[in-house]
Amino acid sequence: MAAGVTERETAVAGRRRAEKTRVEARPKRWGQALLLVGGVLAAAAAWLFLVRASITFGQVARDGRGAAWAVCAAGTIGAAVCLLLVFVLLTRVWTLLGLRSDYQPRRSSGGRRSK
């Protein structure tokens, strides 16, 4: 007699679970990480230069030179972009070295909740 839907031969029959797989450690990419760290340092140096230049041109602009305002504004925008680049590159280094997981929680459908 064959086992039906309600009759199970073993305790695990009918389970639909996947086989557990080994979680292997990610290979560390030190060369790529060092390049990214070099990019972080270069972007941070550019940010520092642009901040100091913007401060200097802001002082010159207050003395009455109108063109210095444009250079000050361009330096300020450039410094903001460089700081953003620093944060993006740091996040990439963090992820590359495995210090940040790629886990993202599932979003709810926004529909009715079952009780």
PDB file of N, CA and C in Angstrom:
ATOM      1  N   MET A   1       0.839  -1.173   0.000  1.00  0.00           N
ATOM      2  CA  MET A   1       0.000   0.000   0.000  1.00  0.00           C
ATOM      3  C   MET A   1       0.885   1.238   0.000  1.00  0.00           C
ATOM      4  N   ALA A   2       0.633   2.183  -0.879  1.00  0.00           N
ATOM      5  CA  ALA A   2       1.431   3.389  -1.014  1.00  0.00           C
ATOM      6  C   ALA A   2       0.990   4.424   0.012  1.00  0.00           C
ATOM      7  N   ALA A   3       1.937   5.227   0.417  1.00  0.00           N
ATOM      8  CA  ALA A   3       1.627   6.277   1.395  1.00  0.00           C
ATOM      9  C   ALA A   3       0.893   7.403   0.695  1.00  0.00           C
ATOM     10  N   GLY A   4      -0.218   7.830   1.239  1.00  0.00           N
ATOM     11  CA  GLY A   4      -1.011   8.902   0.654  1.00  0.00           C
ATOM     12  C   GLY A   4      -0.590  10.254   1.190  1.00  0.00           C
ATOM     13  N   VAL A   5      -1.444  11.229   0.966  1.00  0.00           N
ATOM     14  CA  VAL A   5      -1.148  12.586   1.393  1.00  0.00           C
ATOM     15  C   VAL A   5      -1.136  12.681   2.915  1.00  0.00           C
ATOM     16  N   THR A   6      -2.071  12.007   3.552  1.00  0.00           N
ATOM     17  CA  THR A   6      -2.141  12.100   5.006  1.00  0.00           C
ATOM     18  C   THR A   6      -1.319  11.037   5.709  1.00  0.00           C
ATOM     19  N   GLU A   7      -0.948  10.011   4.990  1.00  0.00           N
ATOM     20  CA  GLU A   7      -0.156   8.950   5.595  1.00  0.00           C
ATOM     21  C   GLU A   7       1.301   9.129   5.196  1.00  0.00           C
ATOM     22  N   ARG A   8       2.154   9.328   6.171  1.00  0.00           N
ATOM     23  CA  ARG A   8       3.561   9.532   5.884  1.00  0.00           C
ATOM     24  C   ARG A   8       4.364   8.360   6.399  1.00  0.00           C
ATOM     25  N   GLU A   9       5.320   7.951   5.592  1.00  0.00           N
ATOM     26  CA  GLU A   9       6.139   6.818   5.989  1.00  0.00           C
ATOM     27  C   GLU A   9       7.210   7.222   6.980  1.00  0.00           C
ATOM     28  N   THR A  10       7.818   8.394   6.810  1.00  0.00           N
ATOM     29  CA  THR A  10       8.881   8.828   7.718  1.00  0.00           C
ATOM     30  C   THR A  10       8.522  10.191   8.285  1.00  0.00           C
ATOM     31  N   ALA A  11       9.296  10.616   9.257  1.00  0.00           N
ATOM     32  CA  ALA A  11       9.017  11.882   9.923  1.00  0.00           C
ATOM     33  C   ALA A  11       9.316  13.081   9.029  1.00  0.00           C
ATOM     34  N   VAL A  12      10.189  12.908   8.058  1.00  0.00           N
ATOM     35  CA  VAL A  12      10.560  14.043   7.219  1.00  0.00           C
ATOM     36  C   VAL A  12       9.866  14.036   5.865  1.00  0.00           C
ATOM     37  N   ALA A  13       9.043  13.072   5.604  1.00  0.00           N
ATOM     38  CA  ALA A  13       8.368  13.007   4.316  1.00  0.00           C
ATOM     39  C   ALA A  13       7.419  14.201   4.175  1.00  0.00           C
ATOM     40  N   GLY A  14       7.406  14.792   3.024  1.00  0.00           N
ATOM     41  CA  GLY A  14       6.515  15.906   2.759  1.00  0.00           C
ATOM     42  C   GLY A  14       7.129  17.265   3.023  1.00  0.00           C
ATOM     43  N   ARG A  15       8.265  17.325   3.675  1.00  0.00           N
ATOM     44  CA  ARG A  15       8.903  18.625   3.899  1.00  0.00           C
ATOM     45  C   ARG A  15       9.559  19.083   2.611  1.00  0.00           C
ATOM     46  N   ARG A  16       9.434  20.337   2.371  1.00  0.00           N
ATOM     47  CA  ARG A  16      10.020  20.884   1.156  1.00  0.00           C
ATOM     48  C   ARG A  16      11.081  21.903   1.521  1.00  0.00           C
ATOM     49  N   ARG A  17      12.055  21.443   2.201  1.00  0.00           N
ATOM     50  CA  ARG A  17      13.148  22.324   2.592  1.00  0.00           C
ATOM     51  C   ARG A  17      14.357  22.015   1.737  1.00  0.00           C
ATOM     52  N   ALA A  18      15.067  23.062   1.410  1.00  0.00           N
ATOM     53  CA  ALA A  18      16.264  22.892   0.595  1.00  0.00           C
ATOM     54  C   ALA A  18      17.389  22.333   1.448  1.00  0.00           C
ATOM     55  N   GLU A  19      18.289  21.683   0.785  1.00  0.00           N
ATOM     56  CA  GLU A  19      19.462  21.173   1.471  1.00  0.00           C
ATOM     57  C   GLU A  19      20.270  22.354   1.987  1.00  0.00           C
ATOM     58  N   LYS A  20      20.836  22.208   3.177  1.00  0.00           N
ATOM     59  CA  LYS A  20      21.666  23.276   3.711  1.00  0.00           C
ATOM     60  C   LYS A  20      22.989  23.277   2.970  1.00  0.00           C
ATOM     61  N   THR A  21      23.376  24.454   2.541  1.00  0.00           N
ATOM     62  CA  THR A  21      24.635  24.579   1.821  1.00  0.00           C
ATOM     63  C   THR A  21      25.672  25.206   2.727  1.00  0.00           C
ATOM     64  N   ARG A  22      26.902  24.926   2.418  1.00  0.00           N
ATOM     65  CA  ARG A  22      27.984  25.522   3.185  1.00  0.00           C
ATOM     66  C   ARG A  22      28.109  26.986   2.832  1.00  0.00           C
ATOM     67  N   VAL A  23      28.355  27.775   3.837  1.00  0.00           N
ATOM     68  CA  VAL A  23      28.608  29.189   3.599  1.00  0.00           C
ATOM     69  C   VAL A  23      30.120  29.355   3.578  1.00  0.00           C
ATOM     70  N   GLU A  24      30.633  29.652   2.397  1.00  0.00           N
ATOM     71  CA  GLU A  24      32.067  29.827   2.275  1.00  0.00           C
ATOM     72  C   GLU A  24      32.412  31.288   2.468  1.00  0.00           C
ATOM     73  N   ALA A  25      33.542  31.507   3.073  1.00  0.00           N
ATOM     74  CA  ALA A  25      34.000  32.877   3.290  1.00  0.00           C
ATOM     75  C   ALA A  25      34.329  33.514   1.946  1.00  0.00           C
ATOM     76  N   ARG A  26      33.981  34.758   1.807  1.00  0.00           N
ATOM     77  CA  ARG A  26      34.278  35.477   0.578  1.00  0.00           C
ATOM     78  C   ARG A  26      35.791  35.662   0.454  1.00  0.00           C
ATOM     79  N   PRO A  27      36.279  35.545  -0.745  1.00  0.00           N
ATOM     80  CA  PRO A  27      37.710  35.833  -0.902  1.00  0.00           C
ATOM     81  C   PRO A  27      37.940  37.332  -0.722  1.00  0.00           C
ATOM     82  N   LYS A  28      38.905  37.660   0.063  1.00  0.00           N
ATOM     83  CA  LYS A  28      39.206  39.068   0.307  1.00  0.00           C
ATOM     84  C   LYS A  28      39.995  39.616  -0.878  1.00  0.00           C
ATOM     85  N   ARG A  29      39.597  40.730  -1.360  1.00  0.00           N
ATOM     86  CA  ARG A  29      40.256  41.354  -2.504  1.00  0.00           C
ATOM     87  C   ARG A  29      41.050  42.547  -1.995  1.00  0.00           C
ATOM     88  N   TRP A  30      42.240  42.261  -1.507  1.00  0.00           N
ATOM     89  CA  TRP A  30      43.044  43.313  -0.887  1.00  0.00           C
ATOM     90  C   TRP A  30      43.543  44.324  -1.910  1.00  0.00           C
ATOM     91  N   GLY A  31      43.863  43.879  -3.121  1.00  0.00           N
ATOM     92  CA  GLY A  31      44.341  44.819  -4.133  1.00  0.00           C
ATOM     93  C   GLY A  31      43.291  45.850  -4.494  1.00  0.00           C
ATOM     94  N   GLN A  32      42.066  45.376  -4.685  1.00  0.00           N
ATOM     95  CA  GLN A  32      40.980  46.298  -5.013  1.00  0.00           C
ATOM     96  C   GLN A  32      40.669  47.205  -3.830  1.00  0.00           C
ATOM     97  N   ALA A  33      40.756  46.662  -2.626  1.00  0.00           N
ATOM     98  CA  ALA A  33      40.495  47.472  -1.435  1.00  0.00           C
ATOM     99  C   ALA A  33      41.548  48.573  -1.285  1.00  0.00           C
ATOM    100  N   LEU A  34      42.804  48.249  -1.575  1.00  0.00           N
ATOM    101  CA  LEU A  34      43.854  49.266  -1.483  1.00  0.00           C
ATOM    102  C   LEU A  34      43.662  50.370  -2.517  1.00  0.00           C
ATOM    103  N   LEU A  35      43.201  50.004  -3.722  1.00  0.00           N
ATOM    104  CA  LEU A  35      42.903  51.030  -4.723  1.00  0.00           C
ATOM    105  C   LEU A  35      41.769  51.943  -4.258  1.00  0.00           C
ATOM    106  N   LEU A  36      40.757  51.338  -3.653  1.00  0.00           N
ATOM    107  CA  LEU A  36      39.642  52.158  -3.152  1.00  0.00           C
ATOM    108  C   LEU A  36      40.089  53.062  -2.012  1.00  0.00           C
ATOM    109  N   VAL A  37      40.950  52.549  -1.139  1.00  0.00           N
ATOM    110  CA  VAL A  37      41.458  53.382  -0.046  1.00  0.00           C
ATOM    111  C   VAL A  37      42.294  54.530  -0.607  1.00  0.00           C
ATOM    112  N   GLY A  38      43.079  54.257  -1.656  1.00  0.00           N
ATOM    113  CA  GLY A  38      43.814  55.339  -2.319  1.00  0.00           C
ATOM    114  C   GLY A  38      42.872  56.391  -2.886  1.00  0.00           C
ATOM    115  N   GLY A  39      41.754  55.947  -3.457  1.00  0.00           N
ATOM    116  CA  GLY A  39      40.746  56.885  -3.954  1.00  0.00           C
ATOM    117  C   GLY A  39      40.127  57.706  -2.833  1.00  0.00           C
ATOM    118  N   VAL A  40      39.905  57.056  -1.679  1.00  0.00           N
ATOM    119  CA  VAL A  40      39.359  57.771  -0.520  1.00  0.00           C
ATOM    120  C   VAL A  40      40.328  58.869  -0.087  1.00  0.00           C
ATOM    121  N   LEU A  41      41.624  58.522  -0.011  1.00  0.00           N
ATOM    122  CA  LEU A  41      42.615  59.509   0.416  1.00  0.00           C
ATOM    123  C   LEU A  41      42.738  60.653  -0.583  1.00  0.00           C
ATOM    124  N   ALA A  42      42.690  60.335  -1.881  1.00  0.00           N
ATOM    125  CA  ALA A  42      42.772  61.387  -2.905  1.00  0.00           C
ATOM    126  C   ALA A  42      41.548  62.303  -2.849  1.00  0.00           C
ATOM    127  N   ALA A  43      40.360  61.715  -2.686  1.00  0.00           N
ATOM    128  CA  ALA A  43      39.139  62.533  -2.608  1.00  0.00           C
ATOM    129  C   ALA A  43      39.128  63.372  -1.331  1.00  0.00           C
ATOM    130  N   ALA A  44      39.653  62.821  -0.235  1.00  0.00           N
ATOM    131  CA  ALA A  44      39.714  63.587   1.018  1.00  0.00           C
ATOM    132  C   ALA A  44      40.706  64.746   0.893  1.00  0.00           C
ATOM    133  N   ALA A  45      41.835  64.517   0.211  1.00  0.00           N
ATOM    134  CA  ALA A  45      42.809  65.593   0.004  1.00  0.00           C
ATOM    135  C   ALA A  45      42.210  66.688  -0.881  1.00  0.00           C
ATOM    136  N   ALA A  46      41.474  66.282  -1.923  1.00  0.00           N
ATOM    137  CA  ALA A  46      40.823  67.269  -2.799  1.00  0.00           C
ATOM    138  C   ALA A  46      39.771  68.052  -2.027  1.00  0.00           C
ATOM    139  N   TRP A  47      39.045  67.360  -1.144  1.00  0.00           N
ATOM    140  CA  TRP A  47      38.036  68.043  -0.326  1.00  0.00           C
ATOM    141  C   TRP A  47      38.692  69.095   0.561  1.00  0.00           C
ATOM    142  N   LEU A  48      39.805  68.723   1.209  1.00  0.00           N
ATOM    143  CA  LEU A  48      40.504  69.661   2.091  1.00  0.00           C
ATOM    144  C   LEU A  48      41.007  70.864   1.303  1.00  0.00           C
ATOM    145  N   PHE A  49      41.589  70.618   0.133  1.00  0.00           N
ATOM    146  CA  PHE A  49      42.075  71.718  -0.701  1.00  0.00           C
ATOM    147  C   PHE A  49      40.941  72.644  -1.099  1.00  0.00           C
ATOM    148  N   LEU A  50      39.815  72.070  -1.532  1.00  0.00           N
ATOM    149  CA  LEU A  50      38.697  72.899  -1.987  1.00  0.00           C
ATOM    150  C   LEU A  50      38.050  73.685  -0.856  1.00  0.00           C
ATOM    151  N   VAL A  51      37.998  73.110   0.338  1.00  0.00           N
ATOM    152  CA  VAL A  51      37.440  73.836   1.482  1.00  0.00           C
ATOM    153  C   VAL A  51      38.323  75.034   1.811  1.00  0.00           C
ATOM    154  N   ARG A  52      39.638  74.809   1.864  1.00  0.00           N
ATOM    155  CA  ARG A  52      40.547  75.929   2.166  1.00  0.00           C
ATOM    156  C   ARG A  52      40.508  76.990   1.069  1.00  0.00           C
ATOM    157  N   ALA A  53      40.429  76.555  -0.192  1.00  0.00           N
ATOM    158  CA  ALA A  53      40.357  77.521  -1.295  1.00  0.00           C
ATOM    159  C   ALA A  53      39.059  78.316  -1.229  1.00  0.00           C
ATOM    160  N   SER A  54      37.964  77.654  -0.885  1.00  0.00           N
ATOM    161  CA  SER A  54      36.678  78.362  -0.781  1.00  0.00           C
ATOM    162  C   SER A  54      36.706  79.385   0.342  1.00  0.00           C
ATOM    163  N   ILE A  55      37.347  79.049   1.442  1.00  0.00           N
ATOM    164  CA  ILE A  55      37.459  80.009   2.551  1.00  0.00           C
ATOM    165  C   ILE A  55      38.289  81.216   2.116  1.00  0.00           C
ATOM    166  N   THR A  56      39.397  80.955   1.442  1.00  0.00           N
ATOM    167  CA  THR A  56      40.268  82.045   0.987  1.00  0.00           C
ATOM    168  C   THR A  56      39.551  82.936  -0.024  1.00  0.00           C
ATOM    169  N   PHE A  57      38.879  82.309  -1.008  1.00  0.00           N
ATOM    170  CA  PHE A  57      38.180  83.115  -2.010  1.00  0.00           C
ATOM    171  C   PHE A  57      36.973  83.827  -1.408  1.00  0.00           C
ATOM    172  N   GLY A  58      36.379  83.265  -0.374  1.00  0.00           N
ATOM    173  CA  GLY A  58      35.294  83.961   0.317  1.00  0.00           C
ATOM    174  C   GLY A  58      35.785  85.225   1.000  1.00  0.00           C
ATOM    175  N   GLN A  59      36.983  85.154   1.582  1.00  0.00           N
ATOM    176  CA  GLN A  59      37.567  86.353   2.213  1.00  0.00           C
ATOM    177  C   GLN A  59      37.917  87.405   1.169  1.00  0.00           C
ATOM    178  N   VAL A  60      38.438  86.940   0.017  1.00  0.00           N
ATOM    179  CA  VAL A  60      38.763  87.868  -1.069  1.00  0.00           C
ATOM    180  C   VAL A  60      37.490  88.493  -1.624  1.00  0.00           C
ATOM    181  N   ALA A  61      36.425  87.726  -1.730  1.00  0.00           N
ATOM    182  CA  ALA A  61      35.163  88.237  -2.272  1.00  0.00           C
ATOM    183  C   ALA A  61      34.561  89.293  -1.363  1.00  0.00           C
ATOM    184  N   ARG A  62      34.763  89.162  -0.055  1.00  0.00           N
ATOM    185  CA  ARG A  62      34.236  90.175   0.866  1.00  0.00           C
ATOM    186  C   ARG A  62      34.978  91.500   0.740  1.00  0.00           C
ATOM    187  N   ASP A  63      36.192  91.454   0.203  1.00  0.00           N
ATOM    188  CA  ASP A  63      36.962  92.681  -0.001  1.00  0.00           C
ATOM    189  C   ASP A  63      36.518  93.451  -1.237  1.00  0.00           C
ATOM    190  N   GLY A  64      35.585  92.886  -2.021  1.00  0.00           N
ATOM    191  CA  GLY A  64      35.021  93.634  -3.135  1.00  0.00           C
ATOM    192  C   GLY A  64      35.263  93.053  -4.511  1.00  0.00           C
ATOM    193  N   ARG A  65      35.876  91.915  -4.621  1.00  0.00           N
ATOM    194  CA  ARG A  65      36.095  91.328  -5.944  1.00  0.00           C
ATOM    195  C   ARG A  65      34.923  90.397  -6.264  1.00  0.00           C
ATOM    196  N   GLY A  66      34.178  90.728  -7.298  1.00  0.00           N
ATOM    197  CA  GLY A  66      32.973  89.986  -7.637  1.00  0.00           C
ATOM    198  C   GLY A  66      33.232  88.609  -8.219  1.00  0.00           C
ATOM    199  N   ALA A  67      34.323  88.457  -8.972  1.00  0.00           N
ATOM    200  CA  ALA A  67      34.619  87.168  -9.599  1.00  0.00           C
ATOM    201  C   ALA A  67      34.976  86.112  -8.556  1.00  0.00           C
ATOM    202  N   ALA A  68      35.442  86.529  -7.412  1.00  0.00           N
ATOM    203  CA  ALA A  68      35.821  85.585  -6.363  1.00  0.00           C
ATOM    204  C   ALA A  68      34.605  84.853  -5.819  1.00  0.00           C
ATOM    205  N   TRP A  69      33.413  85.474  -5.904  1.00  0.00           N
ATOM    206  CA  TRP A  69      32.201  84.785  -5.438  1.00  0.00           C
ATOM    207  C   TRP A  69      31.918  83.544  -6.277  1.00  0.00           C
ATOM    208  N   ALA A  70      32.125  83.649  -7.592  1.00  0.00           N
ATOM    209  CA  ALA A  70      31.893  82.498  -8.468  1.00  0.00           C
ATOM    210  C   ALA A  70      32.883  81.380  -8.166  1.00  0.00           C
ATOM    211  N   VAL A  71      34.141  81.731  -7.942  1.00  0.00           N
ATOM    212  CA  VAL A  71      35.154  80.724  -7.622  1.00  0.00           C
ATOM    213  C   VAL A  71      34.854  80.103  -6.261  1.00  0.00           C
ATOM    214  N   CYS A  72      34.411  80.911  -5.313  1.00  0.00           N
ATOM    215  CA  CYS A  72      34.052  80.410  -3.981  1.00  0.00           C
ATOM    216  C   CYS A  72      32.880  79.434  -4.067  1.00  0.00           C
ATOM    217  N   ALA A  73      31.872  79.775  -4.863  1.00  0.00           N
ATOM    218  CA  ALA A  73      30.713  78.886  -5.025  1.00  0.00           C
ATOM    219  C   ALA A  73      31.113  77.586  -5.718  1.00  0.00           C
ATOM    220  N   ALA A  74      31.948  77.671  -6.749  1.00  0.00           N
ATOM    221  CA  ALA A  74      32.396  76.467  -7.444  1.00  0.00           C
ATOM    222  C   ALA A  74      33.229  75.578  -6.517  1.00  0.00           C
ATOM    223  N   GLY A  75      34.064  76.183  -5.706  1.00  0.00           N
ATOM    224  CA  GLY A  75      34.863  75.413  -4.745  1.00  0.00           C
ATOM    225  C   GLY A  75      33.996  74.736  -3.695  1.00  0.00           C
ATOM    226  N   THR A  76      32.955  75.407  -3.274  1.00  0.00           N
ATOM    227  CA  THR A  76      32.042  74.831  -2.280  1.00  0.00           C
ATOM    228  C   THR A  76      31.297  73.626  -2.860  1.00  0.00           C
ATOM    229  N   ILE A  77      30.821  73.768  -4.080  1.00  0.00           N
ATOM    230  CA  ILE A  77      30.124  72.644  -4.725  1.00  0.00           C
ATOM    231  C   ILE A  77      31.089  71.488  -4.963  1.00  0.00           C
ATOM    232  N   GLY A  78      32.303  71.792  -5.407  1.00  0.00           N
ATOM    233  CA  GLY A  78      33.316  70.753  -5.610  1.00  0.00           C
ATOM    234  C   GLY A  78      33.664  70.040  -4.322  1.00  0.00           C
ATOM    235  N   ALA A  79      33.760  70.770  -3.215  1.00  0.00           N
ATOM    236  CA  ALA A  79      34.066  70.159  -1.916  1.00  0.00           C
ATOM    237  C   ALA A  79      32.934  69.227  -1.480  1.00  0.00           C
ATOM    238  N   ALA A  80      31.701  69.626  -1.728  1.00  0.00           N
ATOM    239  CA  ALA A  80      30.567  68.763  -1.370  1.00  0.00           C
ATOM    240  C   ALA A  80      30.592  67.469  -2.180  1.00  0.00           C
ATOM    241  N   VAL A  81      30.912  67.563  -3.464  1.00  0.00           N
ATOM    242  CA  VAL A  81      30.984  66.369  -4.312  1.00  0.00           C
ATOM    243  C   VAL A  81      32.126  65.455  -3.853  1.00  0.00           C
ATOM    244  N   CYS A  82      33.265  66.040  -3.501  1.00  0.00           N
ATOM    245  CA  CYS A  82      34.397  65.233  -3.028  1.00  0.00           C
ATOM    246  C   CYS A  82      34.057  64.524  -1.718  1.00  0.00           C
ATOM    247  N   LEU A  83      33.373  65.189  -0.820  1.00  0.00           N
ATOM    248  CA  LEU A  83      33.001  64.552   0.445  1.00  0.00           C
ATOM    249  C   LEU A  83      32.015  63.411   0.205  1.00  0.00           C
ATOM    250  N   LEU A  84      31.085  63.608  -0.719  1.00  0.00           N
ATOM    251  CA  LEU A  84      30.166  62.530  -1.081  1.00  0.00           C
ATOM    252  C   LEU A  84      30.929  61.342  -1.661  1.00  0.00           C
ATOM    253  N   LEU A  85      31.911  61.626  -2.503  1.00  0.00           N
ATOM    254  CA  LEU A  85      32.735  60.572  -3.083  1.00  0.00           C
ATOM    255  C   LEU A  85      33.503  59.807  -2.005  1.00  0.00           C
ATOM    256  N   VAL A  86      33.988  60.512  -0.989  1.00  0.00           N
ATOM    257  CA  VAL A  86      34.675  59.853   0.126  1.00  0.00           C
ATOM    258  C   VAL A  86      33.739  58.860   0.800  1.00  0.00           C
ATOM    259  N   PHE A  87      32.517  59.260   1.077  1.00  0.00           N
ATOM    260  CA  PHE A  87      31.564  58.383   1.757  1.00  0.00           C
ATOM    261  C   PHE A  87      31.192  57.175   0.896  1.00  0.00           C
ATOM    262  N   VAL A  88      31.017  57.386  -0.402  1.00  0.00           N
ATOM    263  CA  VAL A  88      30.667  56.281  -1.302  1.00  0.00           C
ATOM    264  C   VAL A  88      31.812  55.278  -1.379  1.00  0.00           C
ATOM    265  N   LEU A  89      33.034  55.768  -1.521  1.00  0.00           N
ATOM    266  CA  LEU A  89      34.178  54.864  -1.606  1.00  0.00           C
ATOM    267  C   LEU A  89      34.407  54.121  -0.298  1.00  0.00           C
ATOM    268  N   LEU A  90      34.204  54.784   0.828  1.00  0.00           N
ATOM    269  CA  LEU A  90      34.333  54.102   2.121  1.00  0.00           C
ATOM    270  C   LEU A  90      33.303  52.988   2.263  1.00  0.00           C
ATOM    271  N   THR A  91      32.102  53.229   1.796  1.00  0.00           N
ATOM    272  CA  THR A  91      31.071  52.190   1.844  1.00  0.00           C
ATOM    273  C   THR A  91      31.451  51.006   0.973  1.00  0.00           C
ATOM    274  N   ARG A  92      32.027  51.276  -0.195  1.00  0.00           N
ATOM    275  CA  ARG A  92      32.456  50.182  -1.082  1.00  0.00           C
ATOM    276  C   ARG A  92      33.587  49.375  -0.459  1.00  0.00           C
ATOM    277  N   VAL A  93      34.524  50.046   0.209  1.00  0.00           N
ATOM    278  CA  VAL A  93      35.607  49.331   0.894  1.00  0.00           C
ATOM    279  C   VAL A  93      35.030  48.471   2.009  1.00  0.00           C
ATOM    280  N   TRP A  94      34.126  49.044   2.757  1.00  0.00           N
ATOM    281  CA  TRP A  94      33.487  48.346   3.883  1.00  0.00           C
ATOM    282  C   TRP A  94      32.794  47.068   3.397  1.00  0.00           C
ATOM    283  N   THR A  95      32.075  47.170   2.297  1.00  0.00           N
ATOM    284  CA  THR A  95      31.365  46.020   1.734  1.00  0.00           C
ATOM    285  C   THR A  95      32.342  45.006   1.143  1.00  0.00           C
ATOM    286  N   LEU A  96      33.370  45.475   0.469  1.00  0.00           N
ATOM    287  CA  LEU A  96      34.341  44.582  -0.158  1.00  0.00           C
ATOM    288  C   LEU A  96      35.061  43.722   0.872  1.00  0.00           C
ATOM    289  N   LEU A  97      35.357  44.297   2.028  1.00  0.00           N
ATOM    290  CA  LEU A  97      36.056  43.547   3.066  1.00  0.00           C
ATOM    291  C   LEU A  97      35.115  42.676   3.891  1.00  0.00           C
ATOM    292  N   GLY A  98      33.828  42.712   3.589  1.00  0.00           N
ATOM    293  CA  GLY A  98      32.866  41.855   4.278  1.00  0.00           C
ATOM    294  C   GLY A  98      32.438  42.386   5.635  1.00  0.00           C
ATOM    295  N   LEU A  99      32.658  43.660   5.893  1.00  0.00           N
ATOM    296  CA  LEU A  99      32.275  44.252   7.174  1.00  0.00           C
ATOM    297  C   LEU A  99      30.833  44.737   7.173  1.00  0.00           C
ATOM    298  N   ARG A 100      30.198  44.713   6.006  1.00  0.00           N
ATOM    299  CA  ARG A 100      28.796  45.110   5.859  1.00  0.00           C
ATOM    300  C   ARG A 100      28.101  44.014   5.073  1.00  0.00           C
ATOM    301  N   SER A 101      26.960  43.589   5.543  1.00  0.00           N
ATOM    302  CA  SER A 101      26.255  42.518   4.842  1.00  0.00           C
ATOM    303  C   SER A 101      25.383  43.095   3.731  1.00  0.00           C
ATOM    304  N   ASP A 102      25.036  42.250   2.789  1.00  0.00           N
ATOM    305  CA  ASP A 102      24.176  42.661   1.687  1.00  0.00           C
ATOM    306  C   ASP A 102      22.710  42.387   1.987  1.00  0.00           C
ATOM    307  N   TYR A 103      22.385  42.076   3.246  1.00  0.00           N
ATOM    308  CA  TYR A 103      21.020  41.743   3.633  1.00  0.00           C
ATOM    309  C   TYR A 103      20.125  42.960   3.496  1.00  0.00           C
ATOM    310  N   GLN A 104      18.982  42.762   2.862  1.00  0.00           N
ATOM    311  CA  GLN A 104      17.971  43.798   2.784  1.00  0.00           C
ATOM    312  C   GLN A 104      16.644  43.168   3.177  1.00  0.00           C
ATOM    313  N   PRO A 105      15.964  43.740   4.156  1.00  0.00           N
ATOM    314  CA  PRO A 105      14.701  43.139   4.597  1.00  0.00           C
ATOM    315  C   PRO A 105      13.648  43.194   3.499  1.00  0.00           C
ATOM    316  N   ARG A 106      12.738  42.228   3.540  1.00  0.00           N
ATOM    317  CA  ARG A 106      11.650  42.193   2.563  1.00  0.00           C
ATOM    318  C   ARG A 106      10.664  43.302   2.846  1.00  0.00           C
ATOM    319  N   ARG A 107      10.175  43.891   1.797  1.00  0.00           N
ATOM    320  CA  ARG A 107       9.168  44.948   1.951  1.00  0.00           C
ATOM    321  C   ARG A 107       7.800  44.306   2.025  1.00  0.00           C
ATOM    322  N   SER A 108       6.950  44.929   2.814  1.00  0.00           N
ATOM    323  CA  SER A 108       5.577  44.414   2.878  1.00  0.00           C
ATOM    324  C   SER A 108       4.827  44.884   1.636  1.00  0.00           C
ATOM    325  N   SER A 109       3.798  44.140   1.280  1.00  0.00           N
ATOM    326  CA  SER A 109       3.046  44.458   0.071  1.00  0.00           C
ATOM    327  C   SER A 109       2.123  45.663   0.257  1.00  0.00           C
ATOM    328  N   GLY A 110       1.874  46.030   1.479  1.00  0.00           N
ATOM    329  CA  GLY A 110       0.998  47.144   1.732  1.00  0.00           C
ATOM    330  C   GLY A 110      -0.464  46.774   1.729  1.00  0.00           C
ATOM    331  N   GLY A 111      -0.753  45.504   1.542  1.00  0.00           N
ATOM    332  CA  GLY A 111      -2.131  45.027   1.512  1.00  0.00           C
ATOM    333  C   GLY A 111      -2.646  44.714   2.910  1.00  0.00           C
ATOM    334  N   ARG A 112      -3.710  43.958   2.960  1.00  0.00           N
ATOM    335  CA  ARG A 112      -4.309  43.588   4.241  1.00  0.00           C
ATOM    336  C   ARG A 112      -3.407  42.603   4.953  1.00  0.00           C
ATOM    337  N   ARG A 113      -3.378  42.741   6.246  1.00  0.00           N
ATOM    338  CA  ARG A 113      -2.579  41.829   7.057  1.00  0.00           C
ATOM    339  C   ARG A 113      -3.446  40.642   7.466  1.00  0.00           C
ATOM    340  N   SER A 114      -2.863  39.467   7.413  1.00  0.00           N
ATOM    341  CA  SER A 114      -3.616  38.303   7.845  1.00  0.00           C
ATOM    342  C   SER A 114      -3.441  38.131   9.348  1.00  0.00           C
ATOM    343  N   LYS A 115      -4.490  37.696   9.991  1.00  0.00           N
ATOM    344  CA  LYS A 115      -4.451  37.560  11.446  1.00  0.00           C
ATOM    345  C   LYS A 115      -4.148  36.159  11.850  1.00  0.00           C
TER     346      LYS A 115
END
